[in-house]
Protein backbone atom coordinates (compact mmCIF):
# COMPACT_ATOMS: atom_id res chain seq x y z
CA MET A 1 30.45 -5.89 -9.83
CA ILE A 2 30.92 -4.49 -6.34
CA ASN A 3 33.58 -1.81 -5.98
CA GLU A 4 34.27 1.18 -3.73
CA HIS A 5 31.86 3.33 -5.79
CA SER A 6 28.90 0.97 -5.43
CA THR A 7 25.91 2.29 -3.57
CA GLU A 8 24.38 0.47 -0.63
CA ASN A 9 21.46 -0.69 -2.80
CA GLU A 10 23.78 -1.94 -5.55
CA VAL A 11 25.71 -4.02 -3.02
CA LEU A 12 22.46 -5.30 -1.56
CA ILE A 13 21.05 -6.24 -4.97
CA GLU A 14 24.22 -7.94 -6.12
CA GLY A 15 24.45 -9.93 -2.89
CA CYS A 16 20.83 -11.06 -3.27
CA ILE A 17 21.35 -12.05 -6.90
CA LYS A 18 24.32 -14.19 -5.85
CA GLY A 19 22.03 -15.93 -3.37
CA ASP A 20 23.78 -14.62 -0.26
CA ARG A 21 21.29 -15.24 2.56
CA GLN A 22 22.63 -12.32 4.65
CA TYR A 23 21.88 -9.82 1.86
CA GLN A 24 18.44 -11.32 1.33
CA ILE A 25 17.70 -10.89 5.04
CA LEU A 26 18.91 -7.28 4.88
CA LEU A 27 16.67 -6.54 1.89
CA PHE A 28 13.73 -8.19 3.62
CA ARG A 29 14.28 -6.19 6.82
CA LYS A 30 14.70 -2.97 4.88
CA TYR A 31 11.35 -3.26 3.10
CA LYS A 32 9.19 -5.53 5.27
CA ASN A 33 7.34 -2.74 7.11
CA THR A 34 6.78 -0.73 3.96
CA VAL A 35 5.45 -3.75 2.07
CA TYR A 36 3.28 -4.76 5.02
CA SER A 37 1.78 -1.29 5.31
CA LEU A 38 0.94 -1.02 1.62
CA ILE A 39 -0.58 -4.53 1.53
CA TYR A 40 -2.64 -3.98 4.67
CA LYS A 41 -3.95 -0.59 3.59
CA THR A 42 -4.73 -1.85 0.11
CA LEU A 43 -6.23 -5.25 0.89
CA GLY A 44 -7.32 -4.96 4.51
CA SER A 45 -7.42 -7.56 7.22
CA SER A 46 -9.52 -10.07 5.30
CA TYR A 47 -6.40 -11.29 3.51
CA ASP A 48 -3.50 -13.22 5.01
CA VAL A 49 -1.00 -10.37 4.89
CA ASP A 50 1.95 -12.61 5.85
CA ASP A 51 1.31 -14.88 2.86
CA ILE A 52 1.10 -11.90 0.54
CA ILE A 53 4.32 -10.44 1.98
CA GLN A 54 5.95 -13.78 1.20
CA GLN A 55 4.62 -13.64 -2.38
CA VAL A 56 5.98 -10.10 -2.77
CA PHE A 57 9.47 -11.01 -1.59
CA ILE A 58 9.57 -14.18 -3.68
CA ARG A 59 8.72 -12.05 -6.70
CA ILE A 60 11.33 -9.44 -5.68
CA PHE A 61 14.10 -12.02 -5.26
CA ASN A 62 13.16 -13.78 -8.52
CA SER A 63 13.10 -10.47 -10.41
CA LEU A 64 16.21 -8.76 -9.04
CA LYS A 65 18.27 -9.87 -12.05
CA LYS A 66 15.87 -7.83 -14.21
CA PHE A 67 16.16 -4.66 -12.09
CA LYS A 68 17.79 -2.08 -14.36
CA GLY A 69 18.01 0.81 -11.92
CA LEU A 70 15.88 3.11 -14.09
CA SER A 71 13.87 3.90 -10.97
CA SER A 72 14.86 3.74 -7.34
CA LEU A 73 14.82 0.40 -5.58
CA ASP A 74 12.06 1.79 -3.33
CA THR A 75 9.85 2.57 -6.32
CA TRP A 76 10.53 -0.84 -7.83
CA VAL A 77 9.59 -2.62 -4.57
CA TYR A 78 6.37 -0.57 -4.34
CA ARG A 79 5.56 -1.44 -7.95
CA ILE A 80 5.96 -5.17 -7.30
CA THR A 81 3.92 -4.91 -4.10
CA THR A 82 1.17 -3.05 -5.96
CA LYS A 83 1.10 -5.68 -8.71
CA VAL A 84 0.78 -8.49 -6.16
CA CYS A 85 -2.06 -6.61 -4.44
CA ILE A 86 -3.87 -6.09 -7.74
CA ASP A 87 -3.45 -9.80 -8.51
CA GLN A 88 -4.99 -10.64 -5.13
CA LEU A 89 -7.92 -8.28 -5.68
CA ARG A 90 -8.58 -9.68 -9.12
CA LYS A 91 -8.63 -13.24 -7.76
CA LYS A 92 -11.59 -12.41 -5.57
CA TYR A 93 -15.09 -12.21 -6.97
CA ARG A 94 -16.11 -9.50 -4.61
CA LYS A 95 -14.19 -6.55 -3.27
CA ARG A 96 -12.72 -6.86 0.20
CA GLN A 97 -12.73 -4.49 3.10
CA ILE A 98 -9.88 -1.99 3.50
CA SER A 99 -8.58 -0.95 6.89
CA ILE A 100 -7.55 2.63 6.40
CA ILE A 101 -7.03 4.29 9.71
CA ASN A 102 -4.31 2.02 11.05
CA SER A 103 -2.03 4.83 12.10
CA SER A 104 -4.84 6.87 13.64
CA GLU A 105 -5.98 3.86 15.68
CA THR A 106 -2.70 4.05 17.57
CA ILE A 107 -3.32 7.70 18.33
CA ASP A 108 -7.01 7.14 19.11
CA ASN A 109 -6.30 4.22 21.43
CA SER A 110 -3.71 6.18 23.38
CA PHE A 111 -6.40 8.55 24.69
CA PRO A 112 -9.40 6.31 25.40
CA SER A 113 -10.49 8.20 28.51
CA GLU A 114 -10.87 11.46 26.56
CA ARG A 115 -13.52 10.05 24.22
CA SER A 116 -17.05 9.48 25.40
CA PRO A 117 -18.81 6.22 24.47
CA LEU A 118 -21.07 8.18 22.10
CA LYS A 119 -18.07 9.79 20.35
CA GLU A 120 -16.34 6.39 20.14
CA GLN A 121 -19.43 4.88 18.53
CA GLU A 122 -19.65 7.77 16.05
CA HIS A 123 -15.95 7.34 15.24
CA GLN A 124 -16.42 3.59 14.64
CA GLU A 125 -19.44 4.24 12.40
CA LEU A 126 -17.52 6.82 10.37
CA ARG A 127 -14.55 4.46 10.02
CA GLN A 128 -16.90 1.72 8.81
CA GLN A 129 -18.52 4.06 6.30
CA ILE A 130 -15.13 5.14 4.95
CA GLU A 131 -14.19 1.48 4.53
CA ASN A 132 -17.53 0.79 2.83
CA GLY A 133 -16.99 3.75 0.52
CA LEU A 134 -13.50 2.60 -0.40
CA ASN A 135 -14.84 -0.88 -1.11
CA LYS A 136 -17.18 0.62 -3.70
CA LEU A 137 -14.28 2.19 -5.62
CA SER A 138 -12.64 0.39 -8.52
CA ILE A 139 -9.31 -1.30 -7.81
CA GLU A 140 -7.45 1.45 -9.65
CA LYS A 141 -9.11 4.31 -7.76
CA ARG A 142 -8.81 2.53 -4.43
CA LEU A 143 -5.07 2.02 -4.91
CA VAL A 144 -4.45 5.65 -5.83
CA VAL A 145 -6.59 7.01 -2.97
CA SER A 146 -4.93 4.65 -0.49
CA MET A 147 -1.41 5.47 -1.66
CA PHE A 148 -2.01 9.23 -1.72
CA GLU A 149 -4.23 9.75 1.32
CA MET A 150 -3.03 7.00 3.65
CA GLU A 151 0.54 6.24 2.61
CA GLY A 152 1.45 9.85 1.81
CA PHE A 153 2.91 9.22 -1.65
CA SER A 154 3.20 12.13 -4.06
CA LEU A 155 1.31 11.97 -7.34
CA GLN A 156 4.63 11.62 -9.18
CA ASP A 157 5.66 8.65 -7.03
CA ILE A 158 2.30 6.95 -7.56
CA ALA A 159 2.62 7.47 -11.32
CA LYS A 160 6.09 5.85 -11.28
CA ILE A 161 4.97 2.93 -9.12
CA LEU A 162 1.86 2.21 -11.19
CA LYS A 163 3.60 3.05 -14.49
CA LYS A 164 0.74 5.38 -15.41
CA PRO A 165 0.77 8.95 -16.72
CA ILE A 166 0.44 11.61 -14.03
CA GLY A 167 -2.85 12.74 -15.60
CA THR A 168 -4.31 9.25 -15.14
CA VAL A 169 -3.25 9.21 -11.49
CA LYS A 170 -4.74 12.68 -10.91
CA SER A 171 -7.98 11.62 -12.58
CA ARG A 172 -8.26 8.45 -10.49
CA LEU A 173 -7.57 10.42 -7.31
CA PHE A 174 -10.12 13.10 -8.22
CA HIS A 175 -12.86 10.63 -9.12
CA GLY A 176 -12.04 8.32 -6.20
CA ARG A 177 -12.28 11.20 -3.74
CA LYS A 178 -15.50 12.41 -5.38
CA GLU A 179 -17.12 8.96 -5.14
CA LEU A 180 -15.96 8.53 -1.55
CA ALA A 181 -17.28 12.00 -0.61
CA GLN A 182 -20.65 11.17 -2.18
CA HIS A 183 -20.84 7.95 -0.17
CA LEU A 184 -20.03 9.83 3.03
CA ARG A 185 -22.57 12.57 2.19
CA ASN A 186 -25.25 9.87 1.86
CA PHE A 187 -24.22 8.46 5.25
CA ILE A 188 -24.28 11.86 6.96
CA GLU A 189 -27.70 12.71 5.48
CA GLU A 190 -29.23 9.46 6.78
């Protein structure tokens, strides 16, 4: 029940549960960019990100009645997004490409005149090798590496989102980084 002590998220959740379109739009706007970023960095451009965003929000709206508030709404939304991404990855027979340097592309593209064609080619080759290396990781390692290195989540947040012990998250990050470094070492030595 909404009262003067209700938090913004409680009001938002209750409005969505009641089917109020305005609250659903507010929830969507609040989390759309976050969901998009996590989907894109986890699955890459080979998936229809807009369709997956729609799947995530359908699942969120259908599950809001079950939200108990044991974690933050942010963590809960990330958890649902992660589950939808894992479902998408499991549906495919082969692993898909991950675009990882989305935010650095903005920076890189803002200074095109400062980079020589040779440096640009080297940068593109390195980006491709990082993507190839990430594609070789298991789904679990790829998610943890992406969330930690590209999204900036703490290990504790990743553990909450994935509902895994912190030791498991640390292990996946360690081994994922190690495998990625080995792939990049092989590329550099070529």
